[in-house]
Amino acid sequence: MCIFQNNQGGVITLQMEEDRLGMSITGDVAEIEKNGKGLIGISIGGGAPYCPCIYVVQVSEDSPVARDGRIQAGDEIVSVNGILVKGEKKTAVAAMIQRSDGRVKIGFNVLHAEPKQGHTLDIALKKMKHRVVESMTAETADALGLSRAIICNDLLLRKLSRLEHSAQLYRKLIKHLGELLSCHYRVARTQKDFGDLFCEIAARESSAAANAALTTFGEAHRALEKHTVKSVFLIS
């Protein structure tokens, strides 16, 4: 919503009232201990002149912020060490964080949405983010907090990539198992054919000893076929 105010001297200023779409916002302050490299493990976006807010684009895996667990991607950063940063440039806010020694206090707002809707929205936005960045220059994407480097390191997308790799592996294993079972089934049918052949020869054999040996050999092949077919159907 736009609100016009007529100040002294006839100057008109424009204020923006945020539309929260019925969702609630809660504020918090997290005191984060920097790692050995002097980083807290977040990527930020927004900021003047493109956006009035500074927001968290990504939380790096196993970083101080990730271990703390309170600040998440999408949260708005409102202060650094007690200094309000709304309307500041992204680079200025990053410099404030970098200049802090040891620990840094990050004030942030959390937008609360219904969990299922929030999860669906997060995935949809990440897909849209990739499509949008492909048509942007590197400078524009970085100014909006959508740089290619950030996207390539996106935690959710890296997990999705690992899941897709695992799914591909399982598909190959299932295909290989199917081919293996098919081979066993064909071998079993061949064993039955051998068994039938040996039993047929035994029936024509005049020698009782040869007849018994060939019959035993044939029945053994038939038994192997039955056992193999049963095993194949149990596995499949």
C-alpha atoms as a PDB file:
ATOM      1  CA  MET A   1       0.000   0.000   0.000  1.00  0.00           C
ATOM      2  CA  CYS A   2       1.317   3.500  -0.862  1.00  0.00           C
ATOM      3  CA  ILE A   3       0.965   6.327   1.697  1.00  0.00           C
ATOM      4  CA  PHE A   4       1.663   9.938   0.696  1.00  0.00           C
ATOM      5  CA  GLN A   5       2.701  12.421   3.372  1.00  0.00           C
ATOM      6  CA  ASN A   6       2.910  16.183   2.881  1.00  0.00           C
ATOM      7  CA  ASN A   7       5.857  17.372   4.966  1.00  0.00           C
ATOM      8  CA  GLN A   8       6.754  20.955   5.782  1.00  0.00           C
ATOM      9  CA  GLY A   9       8.023  22.877   2.764  1.00  0.00           C
ATOM     10  CA  GLY A  10       5.616  21.101   0.447  1.00  0.00           C
ATOM     11  CA  VAL A  11       7.850  18.042   0.061  1.00  0.00           C
ATOM     12  CA  ILE A  12       5.922  14.850  -0.580  1.00  0.00           C
ATOM     13  CA  THR A  13       7.467  11.560   0.535  1.00  0.00           C
ATOM     14  CA  LEU A  14       6.331   8.095  -0.409  1.00  0.00           C
ATOM     15  CA  GLN A  15       6.208   5.304   2.137  1.00  0.00           C
ATOM     16  CA  MET A  16       5.566   1.656   1.369  1.00  0.00           C
ATOM     17  CA  GLU A  17       3.484  -0.401   3.724  1.00  0.00           C
ATOM     18  CA  GLU A  18       4.334  -4.076   3.356  1.00  0.00           C
ATOM     19  CA  ASP A  19       1.550  -6.427   2.328  1.00  0.00           C
ATOM     20  CA  ARG A  20       2.088  -9.641   4.277  1.00  0.00           C
ATOM     21  CA  LEU A  21      -0.800 -11.491   2.572  1.00  0.00           C
ATOM     22  CA  GLY A  22      -2.243 -12.522   5.926  1.00  0.00           C
ATOM     23  CA  MET A  23       0.958 -14.197   7.121  1.00  0.00           C
ATOM     24  CA  SER A  24       2.575 -13.317  10.445  1.00  0.00           C
ATOM     25  CA  ILE A  25       6.128 -12.113  11.016  1.00  0.00           C
ATOM     26  CA  THR A  26       8.226 -12.681  14.126  1.00  0.00           C
ATOM     27  CA  GLY A  27      11.564 -11.108  14.904  1.00  0.00           C
ATOM     28  CA  ASP A  28      14.580 -12.629  16.616  1.00  0.00           C
ATOM     29  CA  VAL A  29      18.270 -11.979  17.182  1.00  0.00           C
ATOM     30  CA  ALA A  30      20.905 -14.669  16.663  1.00  0.00           C
ATOM     31  CA  GLU A  31      24.448 -14.262  17.962  1.00  0.00           C
ATOM     32  CA  ILE A  32      26.698 -16.189  15.601  1.00  0.00           C
ATOM     33  CA  GLU A  33      30.324 -17.169  16.208  1.00  0.00           C
ATOM     34  CA  LYS A  34      32.386 -16.817  13.025  1.00  0.00           C
ATOM     35  CA  ASN A  35      34.340 -19.793  11.689  1.00  0.00           C
ATOM     36  CA  GLY A  36      38.087 -19.960  11.160  1.00  0.00           C
ATOM     37  CA  LYS A  37      37.784 -18.043   7.889  1.00  0.00           C
ATOM     38  CA  GLY A  38      35.825 -15.223   9.499  1.00  0.00           C
ATOM     39  CA  LEU A  39      32.547 -16.241   7.833  1.00  0.00           C
ATOM     40  CA  ILE A  40      29.111 -17.036   9.222  1.00  0.00           C
ATOM     41  CA  GLY A  41      27.907 -18.965   6.155  1.00  0.00           C
ATOM     42  CA  ILE A  42      25.103 -16.999   4.510  1.00  0.00           C
ATOM     43  CA  SER A  43      24.550 -15.424   1.099  1.00  0.00           C
ATOM     44  CA  ILE A  44      22.402 -12.297   1.063  1.00  0.00           C
ATOM     45  CA  GLY A  45      20.346 -10.568  -1.609  1.00  0.00           C
ATOM     46  CA  GLY A  46      18.213  -7.508  -2.145  1.00  0.00           C
ATOM     47  CA  GLY A  47      19.205  -4.121  -0.820  1.00  0.00           C
ATOM     48  CA  ALA A  48      19.234  -0.656  -2.350  1.00  0.00           C
ATOM     49  CA  PRO A  49      18.551   0.407  -5.014  1.00  0.00           C
ATOM     50  CA  TYR A  50      16.658  -2.709  -6.148  1.00  0.00           C
ATOM     51  CA  CYS A  51      14.933  -3.783  -2.943  1.00  0.00           C
ATOM     52  CA  PRO A  52      14.263  -2.120   0.438  1.00  0.00           C
ATOM     53  CA  CYS A  53      14.993  -5.350   2.296  1.00  0.00           C
ATOM     54  CA  ILE A  54      18.094  -7.446   2.847  1.00  0.00           C
ATOM     55  CA  TYR A  55      17.218 -11.126   2.856  1.00  0.00           C
ATOM     56  CA  VAL A  56      19.000 -14.453   3.207  1.00  0.00           C
ATOM     57  CA  VAL A  57      19.354 -16.223  -0.135  1.00  0.00           C
ATOM     58  CA  GLN A  58      21.263 -19.278   1.050  1.00  0.00           C
ATOM     59  CA  VAL A  59      22.603 -20.828   4.232  1.00  0.00           C
ATOM     60  CA  SER A  60      25.788 -22.786   3.572  1.00  0.00           C
ATOM     61  CA  GLU A  61      25.873 -26.383   4.730  1.00  0.00           C
ATOM     62  CA  ASP A  62      27.659 -27.023   8.054  1.00  0.00           C
ATOM     63  CA  SER A  63      28.268 -23.283   8.536  1.00  0.00           C
ATOM     64  CA  PRO A  64      27.937 -21.407  11.865  1.00  0.00           C
ATOM     65  CA  VAL A  65      24.465 -20.152  10.862  1.00  0.00           C
ATOM     66  CA  ALA A  66      23.383 -23.645   9.754  1.00  0.00           C
ATOM     67  CA  ARG A  67      24.538 -25.132  13.061  1.00  0.00           C
ATOM     68  CA  ASP A  68      22.699 -22.413  14.989  1.00  0.00           C
ATOM     69  CA  GLY A  69      19.547 -23.323  13.048  1.00  0.00           C
ATOM     70  CA  ARG A  70      17.524 -20.161  13.607  1.00  0.00           C
ATOM     71  CA  ILE A  71      18.270 -18.187  10.444  1.00  0.00           C
ATOM     72  CA  GLN A  72      16.899 -19.777   7.275  1.00  0.00           C
ATOM     73  CA  ALA A  73      16.845 -18.907   3.572  1.00  0.00           C
ATOM     74  CA  GLY A  74      14.139 -16.313   2.942  1.00  0.00           C
ATOM     75  CA  ASP A  75      14.457 -14.571   6.319  1.00  0.00           C
ATOM     76  CA  GLU A  76      14.850 -10.793   6.284  1.00  0.00           C
ATOM     77  CA  ILE A  77      17.928  -9.315   7.960  1.00  0.00           C
ATOM     78  CA  VAL A  78      16.922  -6.165   9.845  1.00  0.00           C
ATOM     79  CA  SER A  79      20.024  -5.395  11.899  1.00  0.00           C
ATOM     80  CA  VAL A  80      23.702  -6.213  12.327  1.00  0.00           C
ATOM     81  CA  ASN A  81      25.121  -5.743  15.828  1.00  0.00           C
ATOM     82  CA  GLY A  82      22.115  -3.594  16.696  1.00  0.00           C
ATOM     83  CA  ILE A  83      22.432  -1.312  13.647  1.00  0.00           C
ATOM     84  CA  LEU A  84      19.347  -1.241  11.400  1.00  0.00           C
ATOM     85  CA  VAL A  85      20.156  -2.187   7.802  1.00  0.00           C
ATOM     86  CA  LYS A  86      16.811  -1.690   6.046  1.00  0.00           C
ATOM     87  CA  GLY A  87      17.396   0.352   2.895  1.00  0.00           C
ATOM     88  CA  GLU A  88      21.145  -0.297   2.925  1.00  0.00           C
ATOM     89  CA  LYS A  89      23.091  -1.759   0.028  1.00  0.00           C
ATOM     90  CA  LYS A  90      23.856  -5.457   0.097  1.00  0.00           C
ATOM     91  CA  THR A  91      27.602  -4.813  -0.076  1.00  0.00           C
ATOM     92  CA  ALA A  92      27.408  -2.452   2.909  1.00  0.00           C
ATOM     93  CA  VAL A  93      25.608  -5.050   5.022  1.00  0.00           C
ATOM     94  CA  ALA A  94      28.113  -7.737   4.004  1.00  0.00           C
ATOM     95  CA  ALA A  95      30.952  -5.405   5.011  1.00  0.00           C
ATOM     96  CA  MET A  96      29.326  -4.815   8.419  1.00  0.00           C
ATOM     97  CA  ILE A  97      29.220  -8.551   9.020  1.00  0.00           C
ATOM     98  CA  GLN A  98      32.811  -9.011   7.865  1.00  0.00           C
ATOM     99  CA  ARG A  99      34.103  -6.213  10.121  1.00  0.00           C
ATOM    100  CA  SER A 100      32.649  -7.847  13.217  1.00  0.00           C
ATOM    101  CA  ASP A 101      35.244  -9.598  15.347  1.00  0.00           C
ATOM    102  CA  GLY A 102      34.493 -13.049  16.723  1.00  0.00           C
ATOM    103  CA  ARG A 103      30.734 -12.937  17.175  1.00  0.00           C
ATOM    104  CA  VAL A 104      28.103 -11.030  15.214  1.00  0.00           C
ATOM    105  CA  LYS A 105      24.506 -10.329  16.241  1.00  0.00           C
ATOM    106  CA  ILE A 106      22.042 -10.713  13.379  1.00  0.00           C
ATOM    107  CA  GLY A 107      18.526  -9.366  13.850  1.00  0.00           C
ATOM    108  CA  PHE A 108      16.068 -11.004  11.474  1.00  0.00           C
ATOM    109  CA  ASN A 109      12.385 -11.395  10.663  1.00  0.00           C
ATOM    110  CA  VAL A 110      10.760 -14.732   9.907  1.00  0.00           C
ATOM    111  CA  LEU A 111       7.690 -14.898   7.660  1.00  0.00           C
ATOM    112  CA  HIS A 112       5.402 -17.679   8.872  1.00  0.00           C
ATOM    113  CA  ALA A 113       3.462 -19.590   6.220  1.00  0.00           C
ATOM    114  CA  GLU A 114       1.523 -22.835   6.370  1.00  0.00           C
ATOM    115  CA  PRO A 115       4.248 -25.563   6.314  1.00  0.00           C
ATOM    116  CA  LYS A 116       2.921 -27.483   3.310  1.00  0.00           C
ATOM    117  CA  GLN A 117       2.436 -24.304   1.280  1.00  0.00           C
ATOM    118  CA  GLY A 118       5.853 -23.035   2.317  1.00  0.00           C
ATOM    119  CA  HIS A 119       7.569 -26.241   1.202  1.00  0.00           C
ATOM    120  CA  THR A 120       5.766 -26.203  -2.155  1.00  0.00           C
ATOM    121  CA  LEU A 121       6.542 -22.514  -2.646  1.00  0.00           C
ATOM    122  CA  ASP A 122      10.226 -23.072  -1.842  1.00  0.00           C
ATOM    123  CA  ILE A 123      10.579 -25.740  -4.535  1.00  0.00           C
ATOM    124  CA  ALA A 124       8.606 -23.695  -7.084  1.00  0.00           C
ATOM    125  CA  LEU A 125      10.716 -20.600  -6.445  1.00  0.00           C
ATOM    126  CA  LYS A 126      13.964 -22.513  -6.817  1.00  0.00           C
ATOM    127  CA  LYS A 127      12.835 -23.888 -10.184  1.00  0.00           C
ATOM    128  CA  MET A 128      11.740 -20.430 -11.290  1.00  0.00           C
ATOM    129  CA  LYS A 129      15.022 -18.958 -10.037  1.00  0.00           C
ATOM    130  CA  HIS A 130      17.016 -21.138 -12.410  1.00  0.00           C
ATOM    131  CA  ARG A 131      14.894 -20.188 -15.413  1.00  0.00           C
ATOM    132  CA  VAL A 132      15.063 -16.475 -14.614  1.00  0.00           C
ATOM    133  CA  VAL A 133      18.825 -16.371 -14.019  1.00  0.00           C
ATOM    134  CA  GLU A 134      19.540 -18.039 -17.351  1.00  0.00           C
ATOM    135  CA  SER A 135      18.243 -14.916 -19.134  1.00  0.00           C
ATOM    136  CA  MET A 136      19.968 -12.389 -16.841  1.00  0.00           C
ATOM    137  CA  THR A 137      23.372 -10.793 -16.917  1.00  0.00           C
ATOM    138  CA  ALA A 138      25.684 -11.768 -14.074  1.00  0.00           C
ATOM    139  CA  GLU A 139      25.492  -8.235 -12.601  1.00  0.00           C
ATOM    140  CA  THR A 140      21.685  -8.158 -12.512  1.00  0.00           C
ATOM    141  CA  ALA A 141      21.444 -11.658 -11.049  1.00  0.00           C
ATOM    142  CA  ASP A 142      23.982 -10.821  -8.350  1.00  0.00           C
ATOM    143  CA  ALA A 143      22.180  -7.588  -7.451  1.00  0.00           C
ATOM    144  CA  LEU A 144      18.976  -9.560  -6.909  1.00  0.00           C
ATOM    145  CA  GLY A 145      20.750 -12.223  -4.883  1.00  0.00           C
ATOM    146  CA  LEU A 146      20.355 -14.776  -7.677  1.00  0.00           C
ATOM    147  CA  SER A 147      23.934 -15.131  -8.847  1.00  0.00           C
ATOM    148  CA  ARG A 148      24.919 -18.279 -10.690  1.00  0.00           C
ATOM    149  CA  ALA A 149      27.453 -19.128  -7.987  1.00  0.00           C
ATOM    150  CA  ILE A 150      24.724 -19.026  -5.351  1.00  0.00           C
ATOM    151  CA  ILE A 151      22.449 -21.232  -7.431  1.00  0.00           C
ATOM    152  CA  CYS A 152      25.183 -23.767  -8.135  1.00  0.00           C
ATOM    153  CA  ASN A 153      25.805 -24.081  -4.388  1.00  0.00           C
ATOM    154  CA  ASP A 154      22.144 -24.160  -3.432  1.00  0.00           C
ATOM    155  CA  LEU A 155      21.760 -26.734  -0.662  1.00  0.00           C
ATOM    156  CA  LEU A 156      18.340 -28.025  -1.706  1.00  0.00           C
ATOM    157  CA  LEU A 157      19.376 -28.389  -5.337  1.00  0.00           C
ATOM    158  CA  ARG A 158      22.548 -30.251  -4.394  1.00  0.00           C
ATOM    159  CA  LYS A 159      20.434 -32.641  -2.333  1.00  0.00           C
ATOM    160  CA  LEU A 160      18.023 -32.995  -5.256  1.00  0.00           C
ATOM    161  CA  SER A 161      20.973 -33.784  -7.529  1.00  0.00           C
ATOM    162  CA  ARG A 162      22.168 -36.506  -5.137  1.00  0.00           C
ATOM    163  CA  LEU A 163      18.655 -37.963  -4.957  1.00  0.00           C
ATOM    164  CA  GLU A 164      18.369 -37.999  -8.748  1.00  0.00           C
ATOM    165  CA  HIS A 165      21.767 -39.704  -8.963  1.00  0.00           C
ATOM    166  CA  SER A 166      20.638 -42.327  -6.427  1.00  0.00           C
ATOM    167  CA  ALA A 167      17.364 -42.830  -8.310  1.00  0.00           C
ATOM    168  CA  GLN A 168      19.277 -43.371 -11.549  1.00  0.00           C
ATOM    169  CA  LEU A 169      21.523 -45.906  -9.804  1.00  0.00           C
ATOM    170  CA  TYR A 170      18.518 -47.818  -8.440  1.00  0.00           C
ATOM    171  CA  ARG A 171      16.862 -47.822 -11.869  1.00  0.00           C
ATOM    172  CA  LYS A 172      20.002 -49.378 -13.347  1.00  0.00           C
ATOM    173  CA  LEU A 173      20.144 -51.946 -10.527  1.00  0.00           C
ATOM    174  CA  ILE A 174      16.495 -52.894 -11.088  1.00  0.00           C
ATOM    175  CA  LYS A 175      17.088 -53.232 -14.824  1.00  0.00           C
ATOM    176  CA  HIS A 176      20.188 -55.367 -14.212  1.00  0.00           C
ATOM    177  CA  LEU A 177      18.301 -57.561 -11.724  1.00  0.00           C
ATOM    178  CA  GLY A 178      15.496 -58.058 -14.240  1.00  0.00           C
ATOM    179  CA  GLU A 179      17.960 -59.143 -16.915  1.00  0.00           C
ATOM    180  CA  LEU A 180      19.704 -61.452 -14.427  1.00  0.00           C
ATOM    181  CA  LEU A 181      16.420 -63.097 -13.406  1.00  0.00           C
ATOM    182  CA  SER A 182      15.509 -63.513 -17.062  1.00  0.00           C
ATOM    183  CA  CYS A 183      18.825 -65.307 -17.665  1.00  0.00           C
ATOM    184  CA  HIS A 184      18.227 -67.597 -14.676  1.00  0.00           C
ATOM    185  CA  TYR A 185      14.750 -68.402 -15.977  1.00  0.00           C
ATOM    186  CA  ARG A 186      16.096 -69.313 -19.413  1.00  0.00           C
ATOM    187  CA  VAL A 187      18.787 -71.499 -17.812  1.00  0.00           C
ATOM    188  CA  ALA A 188      16.073 -73.209 -15.763  1.00  0.00           C
ATOM    189  CA  ARG A 189      14.057 -73.984 -18.895  1.00  0.00           C
ATOM    190  CA  THR A 190      17.199 -75.404 -20.498  1.00  0.00           C
ATOM    191  CA  GLN A 191      17.763 -77.613 -17.434  1.00  0.00           C
ATOM    192  CA  LYS A 192      14.208 -78.919 -17.764  1.00  0.00           C
ATOM    193  CA  ASP A 193      14.795 -79.702 -21.435  1.00  0.00           C
ATOM    194  CA  PHE A 194      17.956 -81.613 -20.484  1.00  0.00           C
ATOM    195  CA  GLY A 195      16.021 -83.458 -17.761  1.00  0.00           C
ATOM    196  CA  ASP A 196      13.261 -84.429 -20.184  1.00  0.00           C
ATOM    197  CA  LEU A 197      15.860 -85.607 -22.693  1.00  0.00           C
ATOM    198  CA  PHE A 198      17.725 -87.750 -20.141  1.00  0.00           C
ATOM    199  CA  CYS A 199      14.465 -89.313 -18.922  1.00  0.00           C
ATOM    200  CA  GLU A 200      13.443 -90.057 -22.520  1.00  0.00           C
ATOM    201  CA  ILE A 201      16.803 -91.743 -23.166  1.00  0.00           C
ATOM    202  CA  ALA A 202      16.433 -93.701 -19.903  1.00  0.00           C
ATOM    203  CA  ALA A 203      13.040 -95.004 -21.014  1.00  0.00           C
ATOM    204  CA  ARG A 204      14.653 -96.495 -24.133  1.00  0.00           C
ATOM    205  CA  GLU A 205      17.687 -97.888 -22.320  1.00  0.00           C
ATOM    206  CA  SER A 206      17.698-101.677 -21.962  1.00  0.00           C
ATOM    207  CA  SER A 207      20.249-101.728 -19.141  1.00  0.00           C
ATOM    208  CA  ALA A 208      18.621-101.365 -15.739  1.00  0.00           C
ATOM    209  CA  ALA A 209      21.696 -99.634 -14.271  1.00  0.00           C
ATOM    210  CA  ALA A 210      21.911 -97.138 -17.141  1.00  0.00           C
ATOM    211  CA  ASN A 211      18.169 -96.594 -16.954  1.00  0.00           C
ATOM    212  CA  ALA A 212      18.365 -95.790 -13.231  1.00  0.00           C
ATOM    213  CA  ALA A 213      21.366 -93.482 -13.665  1.00  0.00           C
ATOM    214  CA  LEU A 214      19.832 -91.538 -16.549  1.00  0.00           C
ATOM    215  CA  THR A 215      16.487 -91.274 -14.759  1.00  0.00           C
ATOM    216  CA  THR A 216      18.169 -89.949 -11.607  1.00  0.00           C
ATOM    217  CA  PHE A 217      20.189 -87.477 -13.690  1.00  0.00           C
ATOM    218  CA  GLY A 218      17.061 -86.334 -15.543  1.00  0.00           C
ATOM    219  CA  GLU A 219      15.009 -85.892 -12.374  1.00  0.00           C
ATOM    220  CA  ALA A 220      17.848 -83.889 -10.826  1.00  0.00           C
ATOM    221  CA  HIS A 221      17.723 -81.470 -13.772  1.00  0.00           C
ATOM    222  CA  ARG A 222      13.947 -81.199 -13.454  1.00  0.00           C
ATOM    223  CA  ALA A 223      14.276 -80.496  -9.725  1.00  0.00           C
ATOM    224  CA  LEU A 224      16.847 -77.783 -10.449  1.00  0.00           C
ATOM    225  CA  GLU A 225      14.439 -76.196 -12.915  1.00  0.00           C
ATOM    226  CA  LYS A 226      11.575 -76.172 -10.395  1.00  0.00           C
ATOM    227  CA  HIS A 227      13.769 -74.698  -7.639  1.00  0.00           C
ATOM    228  CA  THR A 228      15.192 -71.997  -9.939  1.00  0.00           C
ATOM    229  CA  VAL A 229      11.782 -70.969 -11.304  1.00  0.00           C
ATOM    230  CA  LYS A 230      10.376 -70.783  -7.766  1.00  0.00           C
ATOM    231  CA  SER A 231      13.301 -68.590  -6.659  1.00  0.00           C
ATOM    232  CA  VAL A 232      12.918 -66.297  -9.691  1.00  0.00           C
ATOM    233  CA  PHE A 233       9.212 -65.729  -9.007  1.00  0.00           C
ATOM    234  CA  LEU A 234       9.856 -65.119  -5.293  1.00  0.00           C
ATOM    235  CA  ILE A 235      12.473 -62.441  -6.064  1.00  0.00           C
ATOM    236  CA  SER A 236      10.473 -60.787  -8.824  1.00  0.00           C
END
